[in-house]
Amino acid sequence: MKQSILFSIFLISLVTMGQNNLKSNSQYICPPCSSSCDDISYDSPGICSHCNMPLIDKENSKTIAFYLQDGVEVLDFSGPMEVFSYAGYRVFTVSATKKPIKSQGILTVVPDYSIEDAPKADILAFFGGNSQAASQNGKVIEWVKNQQDIEYHFSVCTGAFVLAETGILDGKIATTFHNALYDLEKNYPKVDVRKNVRYVDNGKVITTAGISAGIDGALHLVAKLQGINVAKRTAYYMEYDNWNIGNGLILAEENPYQVETTMDFFKDFEGIYEYKDDTTFVLKYDDKAGDLMVEINDLFYPLYYENEDMFSDVDSDPVFFHRDDTGLVVGYSLSKNGKIYRRL
């Protein structure tokens, strides 16, 4: 228990000291949480003083319209909603009307907007579960076609049928829920339907397989837009421990999973390190995650590689490692020119 408390203090120290090292002209905000802090901007990264969420660069805060129809699958939209909201995107729901809908006949959802008054979004997202209520609704399809300057189209499960109906998937590779693959292939011959993939990234259009696969696709889009470390932090926060990074079909030129470092590089940092008040922690490399892990009291906290010998913690704050003249890692500091804690 004492070690856990000390490590919490360690993370807080990273927040306060790290802010002085990453200042820029950017403005930072907390992920939307429907509190007063939604309207507060900060001059540097760190932690929101009101809701304790890691701050994000305001320029990366996209607006996403979640189109929901009566009967929509709960996890189809709630999984990606969790990903996008934590990553700092502003999500709103829209449906054909503002009438309450039932998700799987259980959860009542009142849409924020109808297709008549929905504001502009950067990203449009569609989901499965009675998706024909959207794909076969001419007014909905016309609304989708009329949306201007959409940066990305995103679908989960049979939400792909909405994109197919609009022609957005014509000439593209796509996927959908395993029980609907044949119907998508049969009904939309201009779409190259792929089986046995979690998601397909065509660059500006991302389709995923069913239900839980939407979480993978959403994390992938976050990685594309904000970098792999932001996606990793999001998965860590959600305790999505079994995320298989990069487990989709990526056809886009940009690939956020390209490996620039080797296992041997990370192994250089393994060891026992000192900290204040005569405490220590163990640093190990996790080959599955591809990250360094701080071990405290049988719990593991990731450190994400940034560049050279600089890493960042789960709150986006920096940890600077130091080497001697022979290249051996000898310690770390919590600010670039701060006190060096030795490797033992």
Protein backbone atom coordinates (compact mmCIF):
# COMPACT_ATOMS: atom_id res chain seq x y z
CA MET A 1 0.00 0.00 0.00
CA LYS A 2 2.83 2.39 0.90
CA GLN A 3 4.50 1.76 -2.46
CA SER A 4 1.23 2.37 -4.32
CA ILE A 5 0.79 5.72 -2.57
CA LEU A 6 4.38 6.65 -3.34
CA PHE A 7 3.91 5.80 -6.99
CA SER A 8 0.80 7.98 -7.12
CA ILE A 9 2.95 10.79 -5.76
CA PHE A 10 5.50 9.92 -8.44
CA LEU A 11 2.87 10.39 -11.18
CA ILE A 12 1.68 13.68 -9.70
CA SER A 13 5.27 14.90 -9.65
CA LEU A 14 5.57 14.03 -13.34
CA VAL A 15 2.51 16.15 -14.05
CA THR A 16 3.67 19.28 -12.24
CA MET A 17 7.31 19.08 -13.29
CA GLY A 18 6.64 17.87 -16.83
CA GLN A 19 4.44 20.81 -17.68
CA ASN A 20 7.46 23.08 -17.62
CA ASN A 21 9.17 21.03 -20.32
CA LEU A 22 6.46 20.70 -22.96
CA LYS A 23 5.12 24.25 -23.24
CA SER A 24 4.12 25.44 -26.68
CA ASN A 25 1.69 27.80 -28.35
CA SER A 26 -1.01 25.13 -28.25
CA GLN A 27 -4.09 25.29 -26.05
CA TYR A 28 -5.04 22.23 -24.02
CA ILE A 29 -8.45 21.06 -22.84
CA CYS A 30 -9.80 18.10 -20.89
CA PRO A 31 -11.89 15.44 -22.65
CA PRO A 32 -15.55 16.55 -22.56
CA CYS A 33 -17.18 15.49 -19.30
CA SER A 34 -20.24 17.79 -19.16
CA SER A 35 -18.71 19.79 -16.31
CA SER A 36 -17.63 23.40 -15.97
CA CYS A 37 -14.09 22.43 -16.98
CA ASP A 38 -15.30 21.72 -20.53
CA ASP A 39 -14.91 25.45 -21.19
CA ILE A 40 -11.46 25.86 -19.63
CA SER A 41 -8.27 26.04 -21.71
CA TYR A 42 -4.71 25.53 -20.44
CA ASP A 43 -1.39 26.71 -21.87
CA SER A 44 0.44 23.42 -21.31
CA PRO A 45 -0.28 19.67 -21.09
CA GLY A 46 -0.98 17.99 -17.78
CA ILE A 47 -4.03 17.10 -15.69
CA CYS A 48 -7.34 18.95 -15.50
CA SER A 49 -7.55 20.44 -12.01
CA HIS A 50 -11.32 19.86 -11.91
CA CYS A 51 -11.91 16.34 -13.24
CA ASN A 52 -8.35 14.91 -13.11
CA MET A 53 -8.40 13.84 -16.77
CA PRO A 54 -5.24 14.14 -18.89
CA LEU A 55 -5.39 17.27 -21.05
CA ILE A 56 -5.26 17.08 -24.85
CA ASP A 57 -4.24 19.50 -27.58
CA LYS A 58 -7.35 21.49 -28.52
CA GLU A 59 -6.51 21.16 -32.24
CA ASN A 60 -6.94 17.39 -31.95
CA SER A 61 -10.45 17.60 -30.50
CA LYS A 62 -12.60 16.36 -33.37
CA THR A 63 -16.40 16.48 -33.47
CA ILE A 64 -18.04 13.12 -34.23
CA ALA A 65 -21.68 12.52 -35.13
CA PHE A 66 -22.92 9.11 -33.97
CA TYR A 67 -25.95 8.22 -36.08
CA LEU A 68 -28.16 5.88 -34.02
CA GLN A 69 -31.30 4.07 -35.15
CA ASP A 70 -33.94 2.22 -33.16
CA GLY A 71 -32.54 -1.22 -32.27
CA VAL A 72 -28.89 -0.17 -32.51
CA GLU A 73 -26.45 -2.57 -30.83
CA VAL A 74 -25.29 -1.20 -27.44
CA LEU A 75 -21.60 -2.08 -27.64
CA ASP A 76 -21.43 -1.10 -31.31
CA PHE A 77 -21.68 2.57 -30.34
CA SER A 78 -20.87 2.63 -26.61
CA GLY A 79 -17.41 1.05 -27.08
CA PRO A 80 -16.23 3.62 -29.66
CA MET A 81 -17.98 6.37 -27.66
CA GLU A 82 -15.81 5.50 -24.67
CA VAL A 83 -12.67 5.57 -26.83
CA PHE A 84 -13.43 8.84 -28.58
CA SER A 85 -14.65 10.68 -25.48
CA TYR A 86 -11.56 9.79 -23.46
CA ALA A 87 -9.32 10.73 -26.39
CA GLY A 88 -10.90 14.18 -26.26
CA TYR A 89 -13.34 14.15 -29.17
CA ARG A 90 -16.72 15.82 -28.88
CA VAL A 91 -19.39 13.23 -29.63
CA PHE A 92 -23.06 13.92 -30.26
CA THR A 93 -25.89 11.58 -31.25
CA VAL A 94 -28.23 12.08 -34.18
CA SER A 95 -31.14 10.06 -35.52
CA ALA A 96 -33.89 10.42 -38.10
CA THR A 97 -35.97 12.21 -35.46
CA LYS A 98 -35.48 13.27 -31.85
CA LYS A 99 -37.86 10.60 -30.60
CA PRO A 100 -36.34 8.23 -28.00
CA ILE A 101 -34.97 5.00 -29.44
CA LYS A 102 -34.37 1.62 -27.83
CA SER A 103 -30.94 0.03 -28.08
CA GLN A 104 -31.41 -3.77 -28.21
CA GLY A 105 -34.85 -3.22 -26.71
CA ILE A 106 -33.22 -2.37 -23.37
CA LEU A 107 -31.49 0.99 -23.25
CA THR A 108 -33.48 4.15 -24.01
CA VAL A 109 -31.49 6.80 -25.86
CA VAL A 110 -32.73 10.30 -26.60
CA PRO A 111 -30.81 11.62 -29.64
CA ASP A 112 -29.18 15.02 -29.27
CA TYR A 113 -30.27 16.01 -32.77
CA SER A 114 -32.33 14.89 -35.72
CA ILE A 115 -31.09 14.96 -39.31
CA GLU A 116 -33.02 18.23 -39.62
CA ASP A 117 -30.93 20.21 -37.13
CA ALA A 118 -27.70 18.25 -36.55
CA PRO A 119 -24.58 20.48 -36.57
CA LYS A 120 -21.58 19.88 -38.78
CA ALA A 121 -19.23 17.09 -37.72
CA ASP A 122 -15.66 16.23 -38.66
CA ILE A 123 -16.40 12.50 -38.55
CA LEU A 124 -19.60 10.55 -39.27
CA ALA A 125 -20.09 7.19 -37.54
CA PHE A 126 -22.70 4.48 -38.16
CA PHE A 127 -23.50 1.34 -36.21
CA GLY A 128 -25.19 -2.03 -36.51
CA GLY A 129 -28.37 -3.40 -35.05
CA ASN A 130 -31.44 -2.85 -37.23
CA SER A 131 -29.19 -0.85 -39.56
CA GLN A 132 -31.69 -1.17 -42.40
CA ALA A 133 -33.76 1.44 -40.55
CA ALA A 134 -31.02 3.85 -41.61
CA SER A 135 -29.71 2.33 -44.85
CA GLN A 136 -33.21 2.02 -46.33
CA ASN A 137 -34.39 5.43 -45.17
CA GLY A 138 -34.08 7.75 -48.17
CA LYS A 139 -34.03 10.88 -46.04
CA VAL A 140 -31.16 9.55 -43.93
CA ILE A 141 -29.14 8.55 -46.99
CA GLU A 142 -29.71 11.97 -48.53
CA TRP A 143 -28.58 13.60 -45.28
CA VAL A 144 -25.37 11.56 -45.32
CA LYS A 145 -24.68 12.47 -48.95
CA ASN A 146 -25.22 16.17 -48.24
CA GLN A 147 -22.65 16.37 -45.43
CA GLN A 148 -19.74 18.57 -46.51
CA ASP A 149 -16.03 18.36 -45.73
CA ILE A 150 -16.25 15.14 -43.72
CA GLU A 151 -12.74 14.10 -42.69
CA TYR A 152 -13.54 10.44 -41.96
CA HIS A 153 -16.42 8.01 -42.30
CA PHE A 154 -16.51 5.27 -39.67
CA SER A 155 -18.76 2.24 -39.32
CA VAL A 156 -19.13 -0.65 -36.92
CA CYS A 157 -20.85 -3.93 -37.73
CA THR A 158 -23.72 -3.53 -40.21
CA GLY A 159 -23.35 0.24 -40.06
CA ALA A 160 -21.28 -0.44 -43.18
CA PHE A 161 -24.56 -0.89 -45.08
CA VAL A 162 -25.33 2.82 -44.61
CA LEU A 163 -22.00 3.75 -46.17
CA ALA A 164 -22.52 1.22 -48.95
CA GLU A 165 -25.98 2.59 -49.73
CA THR A 166 -24.59 6.12 -50.13
CA GLY A 167 -21.88 4.90 -52.52
CA ILE A 168 -19.10 5.88 -50.12
CA LEU A 169 -17.77 2.30 -50.21
CA ASP A 170 -17.88 1.95 -54.00
CA GLY A 171 -14.53 0.70 -55.28
CA LYS A 172 -13.23 0.27 -51.71
CA ILE A 173 -12.39 -2.67 -49.48
CA ALA A 174 -14.65 -3.03 -46.46
CA THR A 175 -15.82 -5.42 -43.78
CA THR A 176 -18.82 -5.89 -41.50
CA PHE A 177 -20.38 -8.26 -38.95
CA HIS A 178 -19.55 -11.89 -39.74
CA ASN A 179 -23.21 -12.86 -40.25
CA ALA A 180 -23.70 -10.00 -42.71
CA LEU A 181 -20.62 -10.39 -44.92
CA TYR A 182 -22.49 -12.34 -47.61
CA ASP A 183 -25.36 -9.83 -47.75
CA LEU A 184 -22.97 -6.89 -48.07
CA GLU A 185 -21.13 -8.66 -50.88
CA LYS A 186 -24.34 -9.68 -52.66
CA ASN A 187 -26.24 -6.40 -52.36
CA TYR A 188 -23.33 -4.06 -53.08
CA PRO A 189 -21.13 -5.66 -55.79
CA LYS A 190 -19.02 -2.49 -56.12
CA VAL A 191 -17.68 -3.11 -52.60
CA ASP A 192 -14.73 -5.49 -52.12
CA VAL A 193 -15.84 -7.29 -48.95
CA ARG A 194 -13.14 -8.86 -46.78
CA LYS A 195 -13.62 -11.58 -44.20
CA ASN A 196 -11.64 -12.39 -41.07
CA VAL A 197 -10.42 -8.86 -40.38
CA ARG A 198 -11.19 -6.68 -37.36
CA TYR A 199 -11.28 -3.49 -39.39
CA VAL A 200 -10.33 -2.06 -42.78
CA ASP A 201 -8.71 1.36 -43.13
CA ASN A 202 -9.06 2.86 -46.63
CA GLY A 203 -7.52 6.15 -45.58
CA LYS A 204 -10.61 8.28 -45.02
CA VAL A 205 -13.09 5.43 -44.54
CA ILE A 206 -12.81 2.88 -41.74
CA THR A 207 -15.19 -0.09 -41.46
CA THR A 208 -15.02 -2.64 -38.67
CA ALA A 209 -16.37 -6.09 -37.96
CA GLY A 210 -19.07 -6.52 -35.34
CA ILE A 211 -19.64 -5.23 -31.84
CA SER A 212 -16.32 -5.37 -29.91
CA ALA A 213 -14.34 -4.80 -33.12
CA GLY A 214 -15.59 -1.22 -33.05
CA ILE A 215 -13.31 -0.55 -30.08
CA ASP A 216 -10.30 -1.68 -32.13
CA GLY A 217 -11.34 0.49 -35.06
CA ALA A 218 -11.87 3.51 -32.82
CA LEU A 219 -8.46 3.07 -31.17
CA HIS A 220 -6.95 2.79 -34.65
CA LEU A 221 -8.54 6.09 -35.70
CA VAL A 222 -7.20 7.74 -32.55
CA ALA A 223 -3.74 6.40 -33.39
CA LYS A 224 -4.03 7.83 -36.90
CA LEU A 225 -5.10 11.26 -35.68
CA GLN A 226 -3.09 11.67 -32.49
CA GLY A 227 -0.37 9.04 -32.52
CA ILE A 228 0.02 5.56 -31.14
CA ASN A 229 0.80 6.72 -27.59
CA VAL A 230 -2.54 8.51 -27.24
CA ALA A 231 -4.30 5.34 -28.39
CA LYS A 232 -2.28 3.29 -25.92
CA ARG A 233 -3.16 5.66 -23.07
CA THR A 234 -6.82 5.38 -24.02
CA ALA A 235 -6.70 1.57 -24.04
CA TYR A 236 -4.85 1.62 -20.70
CA TYR A 237 -7.49 3.90 -19.16
CA MET A 238 -10.25 1.59 -20.42
CA GLU A 239 -8.34 -1.45 -19.11
CA TYR A 240 -8.56 -2.90 -22.62
CA ASP A 241 -5.61 -5.16 -21.88
CA ASN A 242 -6.15 -7.54 -24.79
CA TRP A 243 -5.97 -4.93 -27.52
CA ASN A 244 -3.97 -6.42 -30.37
CA ILE A 245 -2.33 -3.29 -31.76
CA GLY A 246 -2.56 -2.89 -35.52
CA ASN A 247 -4.75 -5.96 -35.98
CA GLY A 248 -6.67 -4.65 -38.98
CA LEU A 249 -6.23 -4.35 -42.73
CA ILE A 250 -4.47 -1.00 -43.24
CA LEU A 251 -4.57 0.24 -46.82
CA ALA A 252 -3.85 3.88 -46.00
CA GLU A 253 -0.41 5.35 -46.65
CA GLU A 254 -0.04 6.48 -43.05
CA ASN A 255 0.58 3.65 -40.61
CA PRO A 256 0.82 4.63 -36.93
CA TYR A 257 2.29 1.25 -35.97
CA GLN A 258 5.54 1.35 -37.90
CA VAL A 259 8.27 0.22 -35.52
CA GLU A 260 11.18 2.63 -35.18
CA THR A 261 12.89 1.05 -32.19
CA THR A 262 14.06 -2.47 -31.37
CA MET A 263 13.67 -4.67 -28.33
CA ASP A 264 17.39 -4.23 -27.58
CA PHE A 265 16.85 -0.46 -27.32
CA PHE A 266 14.16 -0.91 -24.66
CA LYS A 267 16.19 -3.54 -22.81
CA ASP A 268 18.82 -0.85 -22.19
CA PHE A 269 16.46 0.77 -19.69
CA GLU A 270 15.52 -2.28 -17.62
CA GLY A 271 16.57 -2.33 -14.01
CA ILE A 272 15.92 -1.03 -10.51
CA TYR A 273 15.78 2.73 -10.06
CA GLU A 274 15.84 4.88 -6.99
CA TYR A 275 13.28 7.48 -6.07
CA LYS A 276 12.94 9.97 -3.25
CA ASP A 277 12.54 8.91 0.39
CA ASP A 278 14.75 5.86 -0.23
CA THR A 279 12.13 4.09 -2.34
CA THR A 280 12.75 2.19 -5.57
CA PHE A 281 10.83 0.76 -8.51
CA VAL A 282 11.52 -1.89 -11.15
CA LEU A 283 11.48 -1.07 -14.85
CA LYS A 284 10.85 -3.93 -17.28
CA TYR A 285 10.19 -4.27 -21.01
CA ASP A 286 6.87 -5.86 -21.99
CA ASP A 287 7.39 -7.43 -25.41
CA LYS A 288 3.64 -7.92 -25.94
CA ALA A 289 2.82 -4.25 -25.40
CA GLY A 290 6.13 -3.01 -26.79
CA ASP A 291 6.52 -0.61 -23.87
CA LEU A 292 8.51 -0.20 -20.70
CA MET A 293 6.56 -1.01 -17.55
CA VAL A 294 7.11 0.43 -14.09
CA GLU A 295 6.42 -2.31 -11.53
CA ILE A 296 5.14 -1.24 -8.13
CA ASN A 297 3.55 -3.66 -5.67
CA ASP A 298 2.80 -6.21 -8.44
CA LEU A 299 1.07 -3.53 -10.56
CA PHE A 300 2.44 -2.32 -13.88
CA TYR A 301 2.29 1.23 -15.26
CA PRO A 302 3.46 1.84 -18.84
CA LEU A 303 6.03 4.36 -20.04
CA TYR A 304 5.65 5.24 -23.72
CA TYR A 305 8.59 5.97 -25.99
CA GLU A 306 8.63 9.48 -27.47
CA ASN A 307 12.08 10.14 -28.96
CA GLU A 308 15.75 9.62 -28.20
CA ASP A 309 15.87 8.81 -24.46
CA MET A 310 12.62 10.55 -23.57
CA PHE A 311 9.49 8.67 -22.54
CA SER A 312 6.09 9.74 -21.23
CA ASP A 313 3.77 8.31 -18.61
CA VAL A 314 0.05 7.56 -18.70
CA ASP A 315 -0.68 11.24 -18.04
CA SER A 316 1.37 12.42 -21.04
CA ASP A 317 4.19 13.80 -18.90
CA PRO A 318 7.88 13.29 -19.67
CA VAL A 319 10.55 11.09 -18.15
CA PHE A 320 14.12 11.83 -19.28
CA PHE A 321 16.68 9.03 -19.10
CA HIS A 322 20.41 9.77 -18.92
CA ARG A 323 23.45 7.84 -20.16
CA ASP A 324 27.11 7.94 -19.24
CA ASP A 325 29.99 8.40 -21.68
CA THR A 326 29.83 4.73 -22.66
CA GLY A 327 26.12 4.89 -23.55
CA LEU A 328 24.94 3.03 -20.46
CA VAL A 329 21.64 4.22 -18.97
CA VAL A 330 22.49 5.47 -15.48
CA GLY A 331 19.28 7.14 -14.31
CA TYR A 332 16.33 9.39 -15.08
CA SER A 333 14.97 12.80 -14.23
CA LEU A 334 11.48 14.26 -14.08
CA SER A 335 12.54 17.41 -15.89
CA LYS A 336 15.19 17.84 -18.55
CA ASN A 337 17.72 19.42 -16.20
CA GLY A 338 16.28 18.17 -12.94
CA LYS A 339 17.62 15.87 -10.26
CA ILE A 340 18.83 12.54 -11.61
CA TYR A 341 17.59 9.44 -9.83
CA ARG A 342 20.13 6.66 -10.19
CA ARG A 343 19.79 3.25 -11.73
CA LEU A 344 20.90 0.77 -9.06
